[in-house]
Amino acid sequence: MTVTLKDFYADWCGPCKTQDPILEEIEEEWEDRFDLEKVNVDEQQDIANEYQVRSLPTLIVENEEGIVERFVGVTQREDIEDALESAGA
C-alpha cells in the first residue's frame, strides 16, 4: 500500500520552518516506507483548494483508501509516525 504524507507550506510561514526538520528526520529514518510530497500553497493553490487547506502548516497522511489523518499546525513527530503506521507505512 502506498502511503503519502503531504506537507502544505509556504516560504513565508514561520511554523512551517519549525515543522521541516521533524519531517526530514522521519523521511530519513523511515526511508522508502512513505512518499513525502511538499506542496507550496502559493505555487499550487489548486491542490491546496482540493484538500481544503486553510491554515499552515497542514499535514495530510493518505493511502489508497483516502485521507487517514490531517494535522493543522506544528505536529509532533510521534503523532506523525502514529498516523503513518495507521495508514500502512
N, C-alpha and C. Protein backbone atom coordinates (compact mmCIF):
# COMPACT_ATOMS: atom_id res chain seq x y z
N MET A 1 0.84 -1.18 0.00
CA MET A 1 0.00 0.00 0.00
C MET A 1 0.89 1.24 0.00
N THR A 2 0.55 2.17 -0.86
CA THR A 2 1.31 3.40 -0.95
C THR A 2 0.77 4.41 0.07
N VAL A 3 1.67 4.92 0.89
CA VAL A 3 1.31 5.93 1.89
C VAL A 3 2.00 7.23 1.51
N THR A 4 1.24 8.31 1.54
CA THR A 4 1.77 9.62 1.18
C THR A 4 1.55 10.59 2.33
N LEU A 5 2.58 11.38 2.62
CA LEU A 5 2.47 12.47 3.57
C LEU A 5 2.60 13.76 2.78
N LYS A 6 1.50 14.51 2.71
CA LYS A 6 1.52 15.79 2.01
C LYS A 6 1.77 16.89 3.03
N ASP A 7 2.79 17.70 2.76
CA ASP A 7 3.17 18.82 3.62
C ASP A 7 2.80 20.11 2.90
N PHE A 8 1.72 20.76 3.35
CA PHE A 8 1.30 22.03 2.77
C PHE A 8 1.99 23.15 3.54
N TYR A 9 2.75 23.98 2.82
CA TYR A 9 3.58 25.01 3.45
C TYR A 9 3.67 26.24 2.56
N ALA A 10 4.29 27.28 3.09
CA ALA A 10 4.65 28.47 2.32
C ALA A 10 6.01 28.94 2.82
N ASP A 11 6.76 29.56 1.93
CA ASP A 11 8.10 30.02 2.29
C ASP A 11 8.08 31.07 3.40
N TRP A 12 7.01 31.84 3.50
CA TRP A 12 6.90 32.91 4.49
C TRP A 12 6.37 32.42 5.84
N CYS A 13 6.03 31.15 5.94
CA CYS A 13 5.38 30.58 7.13
C CYS A 13 6.41 30.14 8.17
N GLY A 14 6.47 30.86 9.30
CA GLY A 14 7.41 30.52 10.38
C GLY A 14 7.20 29.13 10.95
N PRO A 15 5.96 28.76 11.32
CA PRO A 15 5.73 27.41 11.86
C PRO A 15 6.10 26.30 10.87
N CYS A 16 5.99 26.58 9.57
CA CYS A 16 6.38 25.59 8.56
C CYS A 16 7.88 25.29 8.66
N LYS A 17 8.67 26.33 8.93
CA LYS A 17 10.11 26.15 9.08
C LYS A 17 10.42 25.31 10.33
N THR A 18 9.59 25.41 11.35
CA THR A 18 9.74 24.59 12.55
C THR A 18 9.40 23.13 12.25
N GLN A 19 8.42 22.91 11.36
CA GLN A 19 7.97 21.56 11.02
C GLN A 19 8.99 20.82 10.14
N ASP A 20 9.69 21.55 9.29
CA ASP A 20 10.59 20.93 8.30
C ASP A 20 11.60 19.93 8.89
N PRO A 21 12.37 20.29 9.93
CA PRO A 21 13.37 19.33 10.44
C PRO A 21 12.73 18.04 10.96
N ILE A 22 11.53 18.13 11.51
CA ILE A 22 10.83 16.93 12.00
C ILE A 22 10.52 16.02 10.82
N LEU A 23 10.00 16.59 9.75
CA LEU A 23 9.66 15.79 8.56
C LEU A 23 10.91 15.19 7.93
N GLU A 24 11.99 15.96 7.89
CA GLU A 24 13.23 15.46 7.30
C GLU A 24 13.77 14.27 8.09
N GLU A 25 13.70 14.33 9.41
CA GLU A 25 14.16 13.21 10.24
C GLU A 25 13.32 11.96 9.98
N ILE A 26 12.01 12.13 9.95
CA ILE A 26 11.13 10.98 9.72
C ILE A 26 11.41 10.39 8.34
N GLU A 27 11.51 11.25 7.33
CA GLU A 27 11.75 10.77 5.97
C GLU A 27 13.06 9.98 5.89
N GLU A 28 14.09 10.47 6.56
CA GLU A 28 15.39 9.80 6.54
C GLU A 28 15.33 8.45 7.25
N GLU A 29 14.70 8.40 8.41
CA GLU A 29 14.67 7.17 9.20
C GLU A 29 13.70 6.13 8.65
N TRP A 30 12.61 6.58 8.05
CA TRP A 30 11.61 5.65 7.53
C TRP A 30 11.93 5.22 6.09
N GLU A 31 12.93 5.84 5.50
CA GLU A 31 13.41 5.54 4.15
C GLU A 31 12.25 5.50 3.15
N ASP A 32 12.01 4.37 2.51
CA ASP A 32 11.03 4.31 1.42
C ASP A 32 9.66 3.81 1.85
N ARG A 33 9.33 3.93 3.13
CA ARG A 33 8.06 3.40 3.61
C ARG A 33 6.88 4.32 3.28
N PHE A 34 7.17 5.57 2.92
CA PHE A 34 6.11 6.50 2.51
C PHE A 34 6.71 7.55 1.58
N ASP A 35 5.84 8.24 0.86
CA ASP A 35 6.27 9.32 -0.03
C ASP A 35 5.95 10.66 0.64
N LEU A 36 6.93 11.54 0.68
CA LEU A 36 6.72 12.89 1.19
C LEU A 36 6.53 13.83 0.01
N GLU A 37 5.38 14.48 -0.03
CA GLU A 37 5.10 15.46 -1.08
C GLU A 37 4.98 16.83 -0.43
N LYS A 38 5.86 17.73 -0.84
CA LYS A 38 5.81 19.10 -0.31
C LYS A 38 4.98 19.94 -1.29
N VAL A 39 3.96 20.61 -0.76
CA VAL A 39 3.06 21.40 -1.59
C VAL A 39 3.14 22.86 -1.15
N ASN A 40 3.75 23.69 -1.99
CA ASN A 40 3.85 25.12 -1.73
C ASN A 40 2.50 25.74 -2.10
N VAL A 41 1.75 26.20 -1.10
CA VAL A 41 0.39 26.68 -1.36
C VAL A 41 0.36 27.93 -2.22
N ASP A 42 1.45 28.70 -2.25
CA ASP A 42 1.49 29.89 -3.10
C ASP A 42 1.63 29.50 -4.57
N GLU A 43 2.29 28.39 -4.84
CA GLU A 43 2.53 27.95 -6.21
C GLU A 43 1.52 26.90 -6.68
N GLN A 44 0.90 26.20 -5.74
CA GLN A 44 0.00 25.10 -6.09
C GLN A 44 -1.35 25.27 -5.37
N GLN A 45 -1.98 26.40 -5.61
CA GLN A 45 -3.23 26.72 -4.94
C GLN A 45 -4.34 25.72 -5.28
N ASP A 46 -4.30 25.16 -6.48
CA ASP A 46 -5.34 24.21 -6.87
C ASP A 46 -5.32 22.97 -5.98
N ILE A 47 -4.12 22.48 -5.64
CA ILE A 47 -4.01 21.31 -4.76
C ILE A 47 -4.44 21.68 -3.35
N ALA A 48 -4.02 22.85 -2.88
CA ALA A 48 -4.42 23.31 -1.55
C ALA A 48 -5.94 23.43 -1.46
N ASN A 49 -6.57 23.94 -2.49
CA ASN A 49 -8.03 24.06 -2.51
C ASN A 49 -8.70 22.68 -2.54
N GLU A 50 -8.15 21.79 -3.32
CA GLU A 50 -8.69 20.42 -3.41
C GLU A 50 -8.73 19.75 -2.03
N TYR A 51 -7.69 19.98 -1.24
CA TYR A 51 -7.60 19.40 0.11
C TYR A 51 -8.16 20.32 1.19
N GLN A 52 -8.75 21.45 0.78
CA GLN A 52 -9.37 22.41 1.69
C GLN A 52 -8.40 22.86 2.80
N VAL A 53 -7.19 23.20 2.39
CA VAL A 53 -6.18 23.68 3.32
C VAL A 53 -6.43 25.16 3.58
N ARG A 54 -6.64 25.51 4.86
CA ARG A 54 -6.92 26.89 5.24
C ARG A 54 -5.88 27.47 6.20
N SER A 55 -5.07 26.60 6.82
CA SER A 55 -4.04 27.05 7.76
C SER A 55 -2.75 26.30 7.48
N LEU A 56 -1.63 26.94 7.86
CA LEU A 56 -0.32 26.32 7.62
C LEU A 56 0.44 26.19 8.93
N PRO A 57 1.29 25.19 9.04
CA PRO A 57 1.39 24.06 8.11
C PRO A 57 0.21 23.10 8.28
N THR A 58 -0.15 22.41 7.21
CA THR A 58 -1.12 21.33 7.26
C THR A 58 -0.43 20.08 6.72
N LEU A 59 -0.55 19.00 7.46
CA LEU A 59 -0.01 17.70 7.03
C LEU A 59 -1.18 16.77 6.81
N ILE A 60 -1.16 16.06 5.68
CA ILE A 60 -2.20 15.09 5.39
C ILE A 60 -1.54 13.75 5.08
N VAL A 61 -1.93 12.73 5.83
CA VAL A 61 -1.45 11.37 5.60
C VAL A 61 -2.57 10.63 4.87
N GLU A 62 -2.22 10.03 3.72
CA GLU A 62 -3.24 9.30 2.97
C GLU A 62 -2.67 8.04 2.36
N ASN A 63 -3.58 7.13 2.04
CA ASN A 63 -3.22 5.91 1.32
C ASN A 63 -4.26 5.72 0.22
N GLU A 64 -4.29 4.52 -0.38
CA GLU A 64 -5.21 4.30 -1.50
C GLU A 64 -6.68 4.47 -1.09
N GLU A 65 -6.96 4.30 0.19
CA GLU A 65 -8.35 4.39 0.65
C GLU A 65 -8.77 5.82 0.94
N GLY A 66 -7.83 6.75 0.97
CA GLY A 66 -8.14 8.15 1.21
C GLY A 66 -7.34 8.73 2.35
N ILE A 67 -7.84 9.83 2.90
CA ILE A 67 -7.14 10.53 3.98
C ILE A 67 -7.28 9.75 5.27
N VAL A 68 -6.13 9.47 5.89
CA VAL A 68 -6.10 8.75 7.16
C VAL A 68 -6.07 9.73 8.33
N GLU A 69 -5.29 10.80 8.16
CA GLU A 69 -5.13 11.77 9.25
C GLU A 69 -4.79 13.13 8.68
N ARG A 70 -5.27 14.18 9.34
CA ARG A 70 -4.97 15.56 8.96
C ARG A 70 -4.50 16.28 10.21
N PHE A 71 -3.37 16.98 10.08
CA PHE A 71 -2.83 17.76 11.18
C PHE A 71 -2.72 19.22 10.75
N VAL A 72 -3.13 20.13 11.62
CA VAL A 72 -3.02 21.56 11.35
C VAL A 72 -2.15 22.17 12.44
N GLY A 73 -1.14 22.91 12.01
CA GLY A 73 -0.18 23.48 12.96
C GLY A 73 1.02 22.56 13.09
N VAL A 74 2.02 23.02 13.82
CA VAL A 74 3.23 22.21 14.02
C VAL A 74 2.83 20.93 14.77
N THR A 75 3.23 19.79 14.21
CA THR A 75 2.81 18.50 14.73
C THR A 75 4.02 17.72 15.24
N GLN A 76 3.87 17.10 16.39
CA GLN A 76 4.95 16.33 17.00
C GLN A 76 5.26 15.07 16.19
N ARG A 77 6.50 14.69 16.23
CA ARG A 77 6.99 13.53 15.49
C ARG A 77 6.18 12.27 15.80
N GLU A 78 5.90 12.02 17.08
CA GLU A 78 5.20 10.80 17.47
C GLU A 78 3.82 10.72 16.82
N ASP A 79 3.12 11.85 16.75
CA ASP A 79 1.79 11.87 16.15
C ASP A 79 1.86 11.57 14.65
N ILE A 80 2.87 12.11 13.98
CA ILE A 80 3.03 11.86 12.55
C ILE A 80 3.35 10.38 12.32
N GLU A 81 4.26 9.84 13.12
CA GLU A 81 4.63 8.43 12.96
C GLU A 81 3.45 7.50 13.24
N ASP A 82 2.64 7.83 14.24
CA ASP A 82 1.45 7.02 14.53
C ASP A 82 0.50 7.03 13.33
N ALA A 83 0.32 8.20 12.71
CA ALA A 83 -0.57 8.31 11.56
C ALA A 83 -0.01 7.52 10.36
N LEU A 84 1.31 7.58 10.16
CA LEU A 84 1.92 6.82 9.07
C LEU A 84 1.73 5.32 9.26
N GLU A 85 1.88 4.86 10.51
CA GLU A 85 1.67 3.44 10.80
C GLU A 85 0.22 3.05 10.57
N SER A 86 -0.71 3.89 11.01
CA SER A 86 -2.13 3.63 10.80
C SER A 86 -2.48 3.53 9.33
N ALA A 87 -1.76 4.30 8.50
CA ALA A 87 -2.01 4.31 7.07
C ALA A 87 -1.38 3.10 6.37
N GLY A 88 -0.50 2.38 7.07
CA GLY A 88 0.11 1.20 6.48
C GLY A 88 1.55 1.35 6.06
N ALA A 89 2.19 2.43 6.49
CA ALA A 89 3.61 2.64 6.12
C ALA A 89 4.51 1.69 6.88
